Amino acid sequence: MSRSADFNAELEYLTTEEGGRVTPVHSGYRPQLKFAFAEMQTSGRQIFVGRDLVYPGEKVLAEITIIAVPFFAGKLYSGLQFEFREGARIIGSGIITDILNKDLER
């Protein structure tokens, strides 16, 4: 059973030409998330709002669930930007719009 999302975010996927993915991703995709304040990355499941597929270069609203809640507790806030990656490759960026898991809120 999956738990509810930790925060909502606006995501922007890079175009293929910008170094992003070649193929679209389905809702439920789990790239690594990287916040500027920490070296640690965490897996973040992206559930897209109102659609199932996102293509390179598109923007989407998503509900994000992270694995490393204890590490990021008290450190996140609305307006915080982050990158999402496949390995070392940055494939997009996001901005938190709403913290749902209050344990994470700064």
PDB file of N, CA and C in Angstrom:
ATOM      1  N   MET A   1       0.845  -1.177   0.000  1.00  0.00           N
ATOM      2  CA  MET A   1       0.000   0.000   0.000  1.00  0.00           C
ATOM      3  C   MET A   1       0.889   1.239   0.000  1.00  0.00           C
ATOM      4  N   SER A   2       0.595   2.180  -0.884  1.00  0.00           N
ATOM      5  CA  SER A   2       1.413   3.389  -0.951  1.00  0.00           C
ATOM      6  C   SER A   2       0.836   4.458  -0.034  1.00  0.00           C
ATOM      7  N   ARG A   3       1.718   5.262   0.515  1.00  0.00           N
ATOM      8  CA  ARG A   3       1.268   6.357   1.364  1.00  0.00           C
ATOM      9  C   ARG A   3       0.951   7.562   0.485  1.00  0.00           C
ATOM     10  N   SER A   4       0.336   8.564   1.080  1.00  0.00           N
ATOM     11  CA  SER A   4      -0.050   9.738   0.301  1.00  0.00           C
ATOM     12  C   SER A   4       1.179  10.576  -0.056  1.00  0.00           C
ATOM     13  N   ALA A   5       0.994  11.482  -0.995  1.00  0.00           N
ATOM     14  CA  ALA A   5       2.081  12.323  -1.493  1.00  0.00           C
ATOM     15  C   ALA A   5       2.643  13.225  -0.398  1.00  0.00           C
ATOM     16  N   ASP A   6       3.920  13.583  -0.542  1.00  0.00           N
ATOM     17  CA  ASP A   6       4.598  14.457   0.407  1.00  0.00           C
ATOM     18  C   ASP A   6       4.478  15.937   0.037  1.00  0.00           C
ATOM     19  N   PHE A   7       4.468  16.225  -1.259  1.00  0.00           N
ATOM     20  CA  PHE A   7       4.293  17.607  -1.706  1.00  0.00           C
ATOM     21  C   PHE A   7       3.811  17.654  -3.144  1.00  0.00           C
ATOM     22  N   ASN A   8       3.244  18.803  -3.519  1.00  0.00           N
ATOM     23  CA  ASN A   8       2.852  19.068  -4.902  1.00  0.00           C
ATOM     24  C   ASN A   8       3.932  19.936  -5.528  1.00  0.00           C
ATOM     25  N   ALA A   9       4.120  19.776  -6.840  1.00  0.00           N
ATOM     26  CA  ALA A   9       5.146  20.559  -7.526  1.00  0.00           C
ATOM     27  C   ALA A   9       4.764  20.792  -8.980  1.00  0.00           C
ATOM     28  N   GLU A  10       5.292  21.873  -9.530  1.00  0.00           N
ATOM     29  CA  GLU A  10       5.250  22.126 -10.968  1.00  0.00           C
ATOM     30  C   GLU A  10       6.551  21.572 -11.529  1.00  0.00           C
ATOM     31  N   LEU A  11       6.453  20.682 -12.498  1.00  0.00           N
ATOM     32  CA  LEU A  11       7.629  20.060 -13.093  1.00  0.00           C
ATOM     33  C   LEU A  11       7.802  20.544 -14.525  1.00  0.00           C
ATOM     34  N   GLU A  12       9.048  20.711 -14.918  1.00  0.00           N
ATOM     35  CA  GLU A  12       9.351  21.040 -16.312  1.00  0.00           C
ATOM     36  C   GLU A  12      10.422  20.076 -16.795  1.00  0.00           C
ATOM     37  N   TYR A  13      10.050  19.259 -17.774  1.00  0.00           N
ATOM     38  CA  TYR A  13      10.988  18.317 -18.368  1.00  0.00           C
ATOM     39  C   TYR A  13      11.814  19.016 -19.436  1.00  0.00           C
ATOM     40  N   LEU A  14      13.135  18.774 -19.424  1.00  0.00           N
ATOM     41  CA  LEU A  14      13.989  19.323 -20.464  1.00  0.00           C
ATOM     42  C   LEU A  14      13.646  18.687 -21.810  1.00  0.00           C
ATOM     43  N   THR A  15      13.886  19.429 -22.888  1.00  0.00           N
ATOM     44  CA  THR A  15      13.733  18.852 -24.220  1.00  0.00           C
ATOM     45  C   THR A  15      14.884  17.883 -24.459  1.00  0.00           C
ATOM     46  N   THR A  16      14.747  17.023 -25.449  1.00  0.00           N
ATOM     47  CA  THR A  16      15.817  16.099 -25.814  1.00  0.00           C
ATOM     48  C   THR A  16      17.073  16.890 -26.174  1.00  0.00           C
ATOM     49  N   GLU A  17      16.885  18.014 -26.886  1.00  0.00           N
ATOM     50  CA  GLU A  17      18.020  18.844 -27.312  1.00  0.00           C
ATOM     51  C   GLU A  17      18.746  19.476 -26.118  1.00  0.00           C
ATOM     52  N   GLU A  18      18.033  19.696 -25.032  1.00  0.00           N
ATOM     53  CA  GLU A  18      18.630  20.275 -23.817  1.00  0.00           C
ATOM     54  C   GLU A  18      19.295  19.206 -22.940  1.00  0.00           C
ATOM     55  N   GLY A  19      19.252  17.962 -23.383  1.00  0.00           N
ATOM     56  CA  GLY A  19      19.860  16.876 -22.621  1.00  0.00           C
ATOM     57  C   GLY A  19      18.858  16.029 -21.866  1.00  0.00           C
ATOM     58  N   GLY A  20      17.565  16.311 -22.056  1.00  0.00           N
ATOM     59  CA  GLY A  20      16.518  15.550 -21.382  1.00  0.00           C
ATOM     60  C   GLY A  20      16.261  14.212 -22.051  1.00  0.00           C
ATOM     61  N   ARG A  21      15.188  13.597 -21.654  1.00  0.00           N
ATOM     62  CA  ARG A  21      14.806  12.283 -22.177  1.00  0.00           C
ATOM     63  C   ARG A  21      14.453  12.356 -23.660  1.00  0.00           C
ATOM     64  N   VAL A  22      14.488  11.195 -24.301  1.00  0.00           N
ATOM     65  CA  VAL A  22      14.065  11.076 -25.695  1.00  0.00           C
ATOM     66  C   VAL A  22      12.598  10.650 -25.738  1.00  0.00           C
ATOM     67  N   THR A  23      12.196   9.844 -24.783  1.00  0.00           N
ATOM     68  CA  THR A  23      10.845   9.282 -24.744  1.00  0.00           C
ATOM     69  C   THR A  23      10.022   9.906 -23.616  1.00  0.00           C
ATOM     70  N   PRO A  24       8.686   9.842 -23.710  1.00  0.00           N
ATOM     71  CA  PRO A  24       7.845  10.373 -22.632  1.00  0.00           C
ATOM     72  C   PRO A  24       7.900   9.481 -21.397  1.00  0.00           C
ATOM     73  N   VAL A  25       7.399  10.004 -20.283  1.00  0.00           N
ATOM     74  CA  VAL A  25       7.309   9.220 -19.050  1.00  0.00           C
ATOM     75  C   VAL A  25       5.849   9.110 -18.630  1.00  0.00           C
ATOM     76  N   HIS A  26       5.528   8.017 -17.967  1.00  0.00           N
ATOM     77  CA  HIS A  26       4.180   7.770 -17.453  1.00  0.00           C
ATOM     78  C   HIS A  26       4.064   8.287 -16.028  1.00  0.00           C
ATOM     79  N   SER A  27       2.854   8.640 -15.636  1.00  0.00           N
ATOM     80  CA  SER A  27       2.570   8.967 -14.249  1.00  0.00           C
ATOM     81  C   SER A  27       3.007   7.787 -13.396  1.00  0.00           C
ATOM     82  N   GLY A  28       3.671   8.065 -12.289  1.00  0.00           N
ATOM     83  CA  GLY A  28       4.228   7.009 -11.448  1.00  0.00           C
ATOM     84  C   GLY A  28       5.735   6.874 -11.607  1.00  0.00           C
ATOM     85  N   TYR A  29       6.300   7.621 -12.542  1.00  0.00           N
ATOM     86  CA  TYR A  29       7.744   7.633 -12.801  1.00  0.00           C
ATOM     87  C   TYR A  29       8.495   8.024 -11.529  1.00  0.00           C
ATOM     88  N   ARG A  30       9.691   7.436 -11.316  1.00  0.00           N
ATOM     89  CA  ARG A  30      10.459   7.649 -10.079  1.00  0.00           C
ATOM     90  C   ARG A  30      11.908   8.077 -10.357  1.00  0.00           C
ATOM     91  N   PRO A  31      12.135   9.306 -10.799  1.00  0.00           N
ATOM     92  CA  PRO A  31      13.522   9.759 -10.950  1.00  0.00           C
ATOM     93  C   PRO A  31      14.113  10.119  -9.591  1.00  0.00           C
ATOM     94  N   GLN A  32      15.404  10.410  -9.567  1.00  0.00           N
ATOM     95  CA  GLN A  32      16.058  10.911  -8.357  1.00  0.00           C
ATOM     96  C   GLN A  32      15.793  12.411  -8.252  1.00  0.00           C
ATOM     97  N   LEU A  33      15.517  12.902  -7.038  1.00  0.00           N
ATOM     98  CA  LEU A  33      15.332  14.325  -6.792  1.00  0.00           C
ATOM     99  C   LEU A  33      16.569  14.861  -6.090  1.00  0.00           C
ATOM    100  N   LYS A  34      17.002  16.064  -6.472  1.00  0.00           N
ATOM    101  CA  LYS A  34      18.193  16.690  -5.889  1.00  0.00           C
ATOM    102  C   LYS A  34      17.850  18.119  -5.508  1.00  0.00           C
ATOM    103  N   PHE A  35      17.961  18.413  -4.213  1.00  0.00           N
ATOM    104  CA  PHE A  35      17.759  19.766  -3.699  1.00  0.00           C
ATOM    105  C   PHE A  35      19.130  20.415  -3.519  1.00  0.00           C
ATOM    106  N   ALA A  36      19.239  21.723  -3.768  1.00  0.00           N
ATOM    107  CA  ALA A  36      20.531  22.414  -3.731  1.00  0.00           C
ATOM    108  C   ALA A  36      21.194  22.386  -2.353  1.00  0.00           C
ATOM    109  N   PHE A  37      20.404  22.290  -1.279  1.00  0.00           N
ATOM    110  CA  PHE A  37      20.963  22.370   0.072  1.00  0.00           C
ATOM    111  C   PHE A  37      21.606  21.070   0.560  1.00  0.00           C
ATOM    112  N   ALA A  38      21.501  19.982  -0.204  1.00  0.00           N
ATOM    113  CA  ALA A  38      22.030  18.689   0.255  1.00  0.00           C
ATOM    114  C   ALA A  38      22.653  17.925  -0.907  1.00  0.00           C
ATOM    115  N   GLU A  39      23.724  17.197  -0.608  1.00  0.00           N
ATOM    116  CA  GLU A  39      24.330  16.329  -1.620  1.00  0.00           C
ATOM    117  C   GLU A  39      23.473  15.090  -1.873  1.00  0.00           C
ATOM    118  N   MET A  40      22.747  14.678  -0.838  1.00  0.00           N
ATOM    119  CA  MET A  40      21.939  13.466  -0.945  1.00  0.00           C
ATOM    120  C   MET A  40      20.789  13.651  -1.935  1.00  0.00           C
ATOM    121  N   GLN A  41      20.541  12.600  -2.707  1.00  0.00           N
ATOM    122  CA  GLN A  41      19.382  12.562  -3.585  1.00  0.00           C
ATOM    123  C   GLN A  41      18.398  11.546  -3.021  1.00  0.00           C
ATOM    124  N   THR A  42      17.135  11.641  -3.453  1.00  0.00           N
ATOM    125  CA  THR A  42      16.129  10.684  -3.023  1.00  0.00           C
ATOM    126  C   THR A  42      15.253  10.309  -4.209  1.00  0.00           C
ATOM    127  N   SER A  43      14.747   9.110  -4.203  1.00  0.00           N
ATOM    128  CA  SER A  43      13.786   8.707  -5.221  1.00  0.00           C
ATOM    129  C   SER A  43      12.479   9.441  -4.959  1.00  0.00           C
ATOM    130  N   GLY A  44      11.868   9.959  -6.016  1.00  0.00           N
ATOM    131  CA  GLY A  44      10.609  10.681  -5.872  1.00  0.00           C
ATOM    132  C   GLY A  44       9.581  10.245  -6.896  1.00  0.00           C
ATOM    133  N   ARG A  45       8.536   9.571  -6.440  1.00  0.00           N
ATOM    134  CA  ARG A  45       7.480   9.130  -7.367  1.00  0.00           C
ATOM    135  C   ARG A  45       6.638  10.336  -7.786  1.00  0.00           C
ATOM    136  N   GLN A  46       6.464  10.495  -9.099  1.00  0.00           N
ATOM    137  CA  GLN A  46       5.693  11.603  -9.668  1.00  0.00           C
ATOM    138  C   GLN A  46       4.351  11.070 -10.176  1.00  0.00           C
ATOM    139  N   ILE A  47       3.267  11.528  -9.540  1.00  0.00           N
ATOM    140  CA  ILE A  47       1.921  11.207 -10.019  1.00  0.00           C
ATOM    141  C   ILE A  47       1.393  12.471 -10.694  1.00  0.00           C
ATOM    142  N   PHE A  48       1.242  12.423 -12.019  1.00  0.00           N
ATOM    143  CA  PHE A  48       0.834  13.599 -12.774  1.00  0.00           C
ATOM    144  C   PHE A  48      -0.638  13.925 -12.545  1.00  0.00           C
ATOM    145  N   VAL A  49      -0.954  15.200 -12.449  1.00  0.00           N
ATOM    146  CA  VAL A  49      -2.324  15.660 -12.229  1.00  0.00           C
ATOM    147  C   VAL A  49      -3.006  15.848 -13.580  1.00  0.00           C
ATOM    148  N   GLY A  50      -4.056  15.054 -13.818  1.00  0.00           N
ATOM    149  CA  GLY A  50      -4.873  15.221 -15.010  1.00  0.00           C
ATOM    150  C   GLY A  50      -4.331  14.624 -16.292  1.00  0.00           C
ATOM    151  N   ARG A  51      -3.271  13.852 -16.213  1.00  0.00           N
ATOM    152  CA  ARG A  51      -2.731  13.205 -17.425  1.00  0.00           C
ATOM    153  C   ARG A  51      -1.854  12.030 -17.046  1.00  0.00           C
ATOM    154  N   ASP A  52      -1.609  11.162 -18.025  1.00  0.00           N
ATOM    155  CA  ASP A  52      -0.816   9.969 -17.761  1.00  0.00           C
ATOM    156  C   ASP A  52       0.585  10.057 -18.357  1.00  0.00           C
ATOM    157  N   LEU A  53       0.764  10.820 -19.450  1.00  0.00           N
ATOM    158  CA  LEU A  53       2.057  10.906 -20.141  1.00  0.00           C
ATOM    159  C   LEU A  53       2.565  12.337 -20.164  1.00  0.00           C
ATOM    160  N   VAL A  54       3.873  12.496 -20.023  1.00  0.00           N
ATOM    161  CA  VAL A  54       4.523  13.793 -20.192  1.00  0.00           C
ATOM    162  C   VAL A  54       5.691  13.595 -21.158  1.00  0.00           C
ATOM    163  N   TYR A  55       5.752  14.458 -22.159  1.00  0.00           N
ATOM    164  CA  TYR A  55       6.789  14.390 -23.187  1.00  0.00           C
ATOM    165  C   TYR A  55       7.927  15.354 -22.868  1.00  0.00           C
ATOM    166  N   PRO A  56       9.139  15.071 -23.399  1.00  0.00           N
ATOM    167  CA  PRO A  56      10.249  16.005 -23.202  1.00  0.00           C
ATOM    168  C   PRO A  56       9.837  17.417 -23.623  1.00  0.00           C
ATOM    169  N   GLY A  57      10.205  18.403 -22.785  1.00  0.00           N
ATOM    170  CA  GLY A  57       9.879  19.791 -23.074  1.00  0.00           C
ATOM    171  C   GLY A  57       8.564  20.265 -22.485  1.00  0.00           C
ATOM    172  N   GLU A  58       7.781  19.367 -21.890  1.00  0.00           N
ATOM    173  CA  GLU A  58       6.477  19.748 -21.348  1.00  0.00           C
ATOM    174  C   GLU A  58       6.558  20.063 -19.855  1.00  0.00           C
ATOM    175  N   LYS A  59       5.552  20.830 -19.402  1.00  0.00           N
ATOM    176  CA  LYS A  59       5.371  21.125 -17.980  1.00  0.00           C
ATOM    177  C   LYS A  59       4.144  20.370 -17.488  1.00  0.00           C
ATOM    178  N   VAL A  60       4.159  20.010 -16.196  1.00  0.00           N
ATOM    179  CA  VAL A  60       3.044  19.266 -15.614  1.00  0.00           C
ATOM    180  C   VAL A  60       2.991  19.525 -14.104  1.00  0.00           C
ATOM    181  N   LEU A  61       1.802  19.464 -13.559  1.00  0.00           N
ATOM    182  CA  LEU A  61       1.643  19.474 -12.105  1.00  0.00           C
ATOM    183  C   LEU A  61       1.692  18.030 -11.629  1.00  0.00           C
ATOM    184  N   ALA A  62       2.324  17.806 -10.482  1.00  0.00           N
ATOM    185  CA  ALA A  62       2.457  16.432  -9.984  1.00  0.00           C
ATOM    186  C   ALA A  62       2.428  16.395  -8.470  1.00  0.00           C
ATOM    187  N   GLU A  63       1.996  15.247  -7.966  1.00  0.00           N
ATOM    188  CA  GLU A  63       2.098  14.926  -6.547  1.00  0.00           C
ATOM    189  C   GLU A  63       3.355  14.082  -6.404  1.00  0.00           C
ATOM    190  N   ILE A  64       4.235  14.467  -5.480  1.00  0.00           N
ATOM    191  CA  ILE A  64       5.525  13.796  -5.316  1.00  0.00           C
ATOM    192  C   ILE A  64       5.569  13.083  -3.968  1.00  0.00           C
ATOM    193  N   THR A  65       6.016  11.825  -3.998  1.00  0.00           N
ATOM    194  CA  THR A  65       6.245  11.052  -2.776  1.00  0.00           C
ATOM    195  C   THR A  65       7.721  10.681  -2.752  1.00  0.00           C
ATOM    196  N   ILE A  66       8.422  11.051  -1.663  1.00  0.00           N
ATOM    197  CA  ILE A  66       9.852  10.758  -1.568  1.00  0.00           C
ATOM    198  C   ILE A  66      10.101   9.613  -0.586  1.00  0.00           C
ATOM    199  N   ILE A  67      11.258   8.993  -0.734  1.00  0.00           N
ATOM    200  CA  ILE A  67      11.626   7.886   0.148  1.00  0.00           C
ATOM    201  C   ILE A  67      12.286   8.394   1.433  1.00  0.00           C
ATOM    202  N   ALA A  68      13.152   9.420   1.317  1.00  0.00           N
ATOM    203  CA  ALA A  68      13.992   9.850   2.438  1.00  0.00           C
ATOM    204  C   ALA A  68      13.331  10.932   3.299  1.00  0.00           C
ATOM    205  N   VAL A  69      12.105  10.684   3.733  1.00  0.00           N
ATOM    206  CA  VAL A  69      11.390  11.676   4.551  1.00  0.00           C
ATOM    207  C   VAL A  69      12.187  12.072   5.803  1.00  0.00           C
ATOM    208  N   PRO A  70      12.760  11.126   6.569  1.00  0.00           N
ATOM    209  CA  PRO A  70      13.490  11.543   7.774  1.00  0.00           C
ATOM    210  C   PRO A  70      14.659  12.486   7.477  1.00  0.00           C
ATOM    211  N   PHE A  71      15.375  12.252   6.390  1.00  0.00           N
ATOM    212  CA  PHE A  71      16.517  13.101   6.045  1.00  0.00           C
ATOM    213  C   PHE A  71      16.075  14.525   5.706  1.00  0.00           C
ATOM    214  N   PHE A  72      14.956  14.663   5.012  1.00  0.00           N
ATOM    215  CA  PHE A  72      14.496  15.976   4.549  1.00  0.00           C
ATOM    216  C   PHE A  72      13.496  16.637   5.507  1.00  0.00           C
ATOM    217  N   ALA A  73      13.226  16.011   6.653  1.00  0.00           N
ATOM    218  CA  ALA A  73      12.264  16.570   7.621  1.00  0.00           C
ATOM    219  C   ALA A  73      12.681  17.978   8.033  1.00  0.00           C
ATOM    220  N   GLY A  74      11.714  18.891   8.002  1.00  0.00           N
ATOM    221  CA  GLY A  74      11.945  20.268   8.430  1.00  0.00           C
ATOM    222  C   GLY A  74      12.747  21.112   7.463  1.00  0.00           C
ATOM    223  N   LYS A  75      12.957  20.636   6.221  1.00  0.00           N
ATOM    224  CA  LYS A  75      13.840  21.343   5.280  1.00  0.00           C
ATOM    225  C   LYS A  75      13.151  21.844   4.009  1.00  0.00           C
ATOM    226  N   LEU A  76      11.908  21.444   3.751  1.00  0.00           N
ATOM    227  CA  LEU A  76      11.257  21.807   2.491  1.00  0.00           C
ATOM    228  C   LEU A  76      10.232  22.911   2.698  1.00  0.00           C
ATOM    229  N   TYR A  77       9.959  23.674   1.649  1.00  0.00           N
ATOM    230  CA  TYR A  77       8.995  24.775   1.717  1.00  0.00           C
ATOM    231  C   TYR A  77       8.467  25.100   0.326  1.00  0.00           C
ATOM    232  N   SER A  78       7.311  25.738   0.273  1.00  0.00           N
ATOM    233  CA  SER A  78       6.737  26.171  -0.998  1.00  0.00           C
ATOM    234  C   SER A  78       7.697  27.158  -1.651  1.00  0.00           C
ATOM    235  N   GLY A  79       7.925  26.972  -2.939  1.00  0.00           N
ATOM    236  CA  GLY A  79       8.843  27.830  -3.683  1.00  0.00           C
ATOM    237  C   GLY A  79      10.240  27.248  -3.814  1.00  0.00           C
ATOM    238  N   LEU A  80      10.538  26.159  -3.071  1.00  0.00           N
ATOM    239  CA  LEU A  80      11.852  25.521  -3.157  1.00  0.00           C
ATOM    240  C   LEU A  80      11.990  24.826  -4.512  1.00  0.00           C
ATOM    241  N   GLN A  81      13.103  25.088  -5.188  1.00  0.00           N
ATOM    242  CA  GLN A  81      13.359  24.470  -6.483  1.00  0.00           C
ATOM    243  C   GLN A  81      14.200  23.213  -6.313  1.00  0.00           C
ATOM    244  N   PHE A  82      14.076  22.295  -7.263  1.00  0.00           N
ATOM    245  CA  PHE A  82      14.860  21.063  -7.246  1.00  0.00           C
ATOM    246  C   PHE A  82      15.065  20.577  -8.671  1.00  0.00           C
ATOM    247  N   GLU A  83      16.019  19.673  -8.828  1.00  0.00           N
ATOM    248  CA  GLU A  83      16.256  19.007 -10.106  1.00  0.00           C
ATOM    249  C   GLU A  83      15.771  17.579  -9.981  1.00  0.00           C
ATOM    250  N   PHE A  84      15.402  16.988 -11.119  1.00  0.00           N
ATOM    251  CA  PHE A  84      15.198  15.545 -11.119  1.00  0.00           C
ATOM    252  C   PHE A  84      16.065  14.942 -12.203  1.00  0.00           C
ATOM    253  N   ARG A  85      16.557  13.732 -11.906  1.00  0.00           N
ATOM    254  CA  ARG A  85      17.646  13.148 -12.668  1.00  0.00           C
ATOM    255  C   ARG A  85      17.439  11.665 -12.947  1.00  0.00           C
ATOM    256  N   GLU A  86      18.145  11.223 -13.969  1.00  0.00           N
ATOM    257  CA  GLU A  86      18.350   9.793 -14.227  1.00  0.00           C
ATOM    258  C   GLU A  86      19.850   9.599 -14.094  1.00  0.00           C
ATOM    259  N   GLY A  87      20.282   9.044 -13.001  1.00  0.00           N
ATOM    260  CA  GLY A  87      21.718   8.942 -12.733  1.00  0.00           C
ATOM    261  C   GLY A  87      22.279  10.350 -12.585  1.00  0.00           C
ATOM    262  N   ALA A  88      23.373  10.643 -13.295  1.00  0.00           N
ATOM    263  CA  ALA A  88      23.995  11.966 -13.210  1.00  0.00           C
ATOM    264  C   ALA A  88      23.331  12.979 -14.154  1.00  0.00           C
ATOM    265  N   ARG A  89      22.471  12.500 -15.056  1.00  0.00           N
ATOM    266  CA  ARG A  89      21.874  13.371 -16.071  1.00  0.00           C
ATOM    267  C   ARG A  89      20.637  14.083 -15.544  1.00  0.00           C
ATOM    268  N   ILE A  90      20.656  15.412 -15.592  1.00  0.00           N
ATOM    269  CA  ILE A  90      19.488  16.199 -15.206  1.00  0.00           C
ATOM    270  C   ILE A  90      18.482  16.147 -16.357  1.00  0.00           C
ATOM    271  N   ILE A  91      17.254  15.731 -16.036  1.00  0.00           N
ATOM    272  CA  ILE A  91      16.230  15.637 -17.079  1.00  0.00           C
ATOM    273  C   ILE A  91      15.107  16.643 -16.891  1.00  0.00           C
ATOM    274  N   GLY A  92      15.153  17.405 -15.777  1.00  0.00           N
ATOM    275  CA  GLY A  92      14.122  18.406 -15.556  1.00  0.00           C
ATOM    276  C   GLY A  92      14.299  19.104 -14.229  1.00  0.00           C
ATOM    277  N   SER A  93      13.411  20.070 -14.000  1.00  0.00           N
ATOM    278  CA  SER A  93      13.431  20.807 -12.743  1.00  0.00           C
ATOM    279  C   SER A  93      12.012  20.976 -12.240  1.00  0.00           C
ATOM    280  N   GLY A  94      11.916  21.273 -10.956  1.00  0.00           N
ATOM    281  CA  GLY A  94      10.607  21.452 -10.356  1.00  0.00           C
ATOM    282  C   GLY A  94      10.643  22.531  -9.306  1.00  0.00           C
ATOM    283  N   ILE A  95       9.453  22.957  -8.906  1.00  0.00           N
ATOM    284  CA  ILE A  95       9.308  23.908  -7.819  1.00  0.00           C
ATOM    285  C   ILE A  95       8.147  23.438  -6.946  1.00  0.00           C
ATOM    286  N   ILE A  96       8.392  23.348  -5.647  1.00  0.00           N
ATOM    287  CA  ILE A  96       7.350  22.904  -4.718  1.00  0.00           C
ATOM    288  C   ILE A  96       6.263  23.979  -4.636  1.00  0.00           C
ATOM    289  N   THR A  97       5.015  23.561  -4.787  1.00  0.00           N
ATOM    290  CA  THR A  97       3.894  24.503  -4.690  1.00  0.00           C
ATOM    291  C   THR A  97       3.134  24.357  -3.374  1.00  0.00           C
ATOM    292  N   ASP A  98       3.209  23.171  -2.761  1.00  0.00           N
ATOM    293  CA  ASP A  98       2.449  22.934  -1.530  1.00  0.00           C
ATOM    294  C   ASP A  98       3.039  21.737  -0.797  1.00  0.00           C
ATOM    295  N   ILE A  99       3.324  21.903   0.492  1.00  0.00           N
ATOM    296  CA  ILE A  99       3.805  20.799   1.321  1.00  0.00           C
ATOM    297  C   ILE A  99       2.604  20.072   1.898  1.00  0.00           C
ATOM    298  N   LEU A 100       2.489  18.776   1.625  1.00  0.00           N
ATOM    299  CA  LEU A 100       1.372  17.977   2.128  1.00  0.00           C
ATOM    300  C   LEU A 100       1.757  17.231   3.404  1.00  0.00           C
ATOM    301  N   ASN A 101       3.012  16.759   3.470  1.00  0.00           N
ATOM    302  CA  ASN A 101       3.514  16.060   4.655  1.00  0.00           C
ATOM    303  C   ASN A 101       4.159  17.117   5.556  1.00  0.00           C
ATOM    304  N   LYS A 102       3.468  17.506   6.608  1.00  0.00           N
ATOM    305  CA  LYS A 102       3.915  18.613   7.460  1.00  0.00           C
ATOM    306  C   LYS A 102       5.225  18.309   8.181  1.00  0.00           C
ATOM    307  N   ASP A 103       5.628  17.028   8.274  1.00  0.00           N
ATOM    308  CA  ASP A 103       6.926  16.689   8.856  1.00  0.00           C
ATOM    309  C   ASP A 103       8.074  17.249   8.026  1.00  0.00           C
ATOM    310  N   LEU A 104       7.830  17.467   6.725  1.00  0.00           N
ATOM    311  CA  LEU A 104       8.881  17.965   5.830  1.00  0.00           C
ATOM    312  C   LEU A 104       8.988  19.477   5.862  1.00  0.00           C
ATOM    313  N   GLU A 105       7.958  20.166   6.324  1.00  0.00           N
ATOM    314  CA  GLU A 105       7.896  21.617   6.213  1.00  0.00           C
ATOM    315  C   GLU A 105       8.909  22.315   7.103  1.00  0.00           C
ATOM    316  N   ARG A 106       9.581  23.303   6.501  1.00  0.00           N
ATOM    317  CA  ARG A 106      10.568  24.095   7.233  1.00  0.00           C
ATOM    318  C   ARG A 106       9.864  25.116   8.109  1.00  0.00           C
TER     319      ARG A 106
END
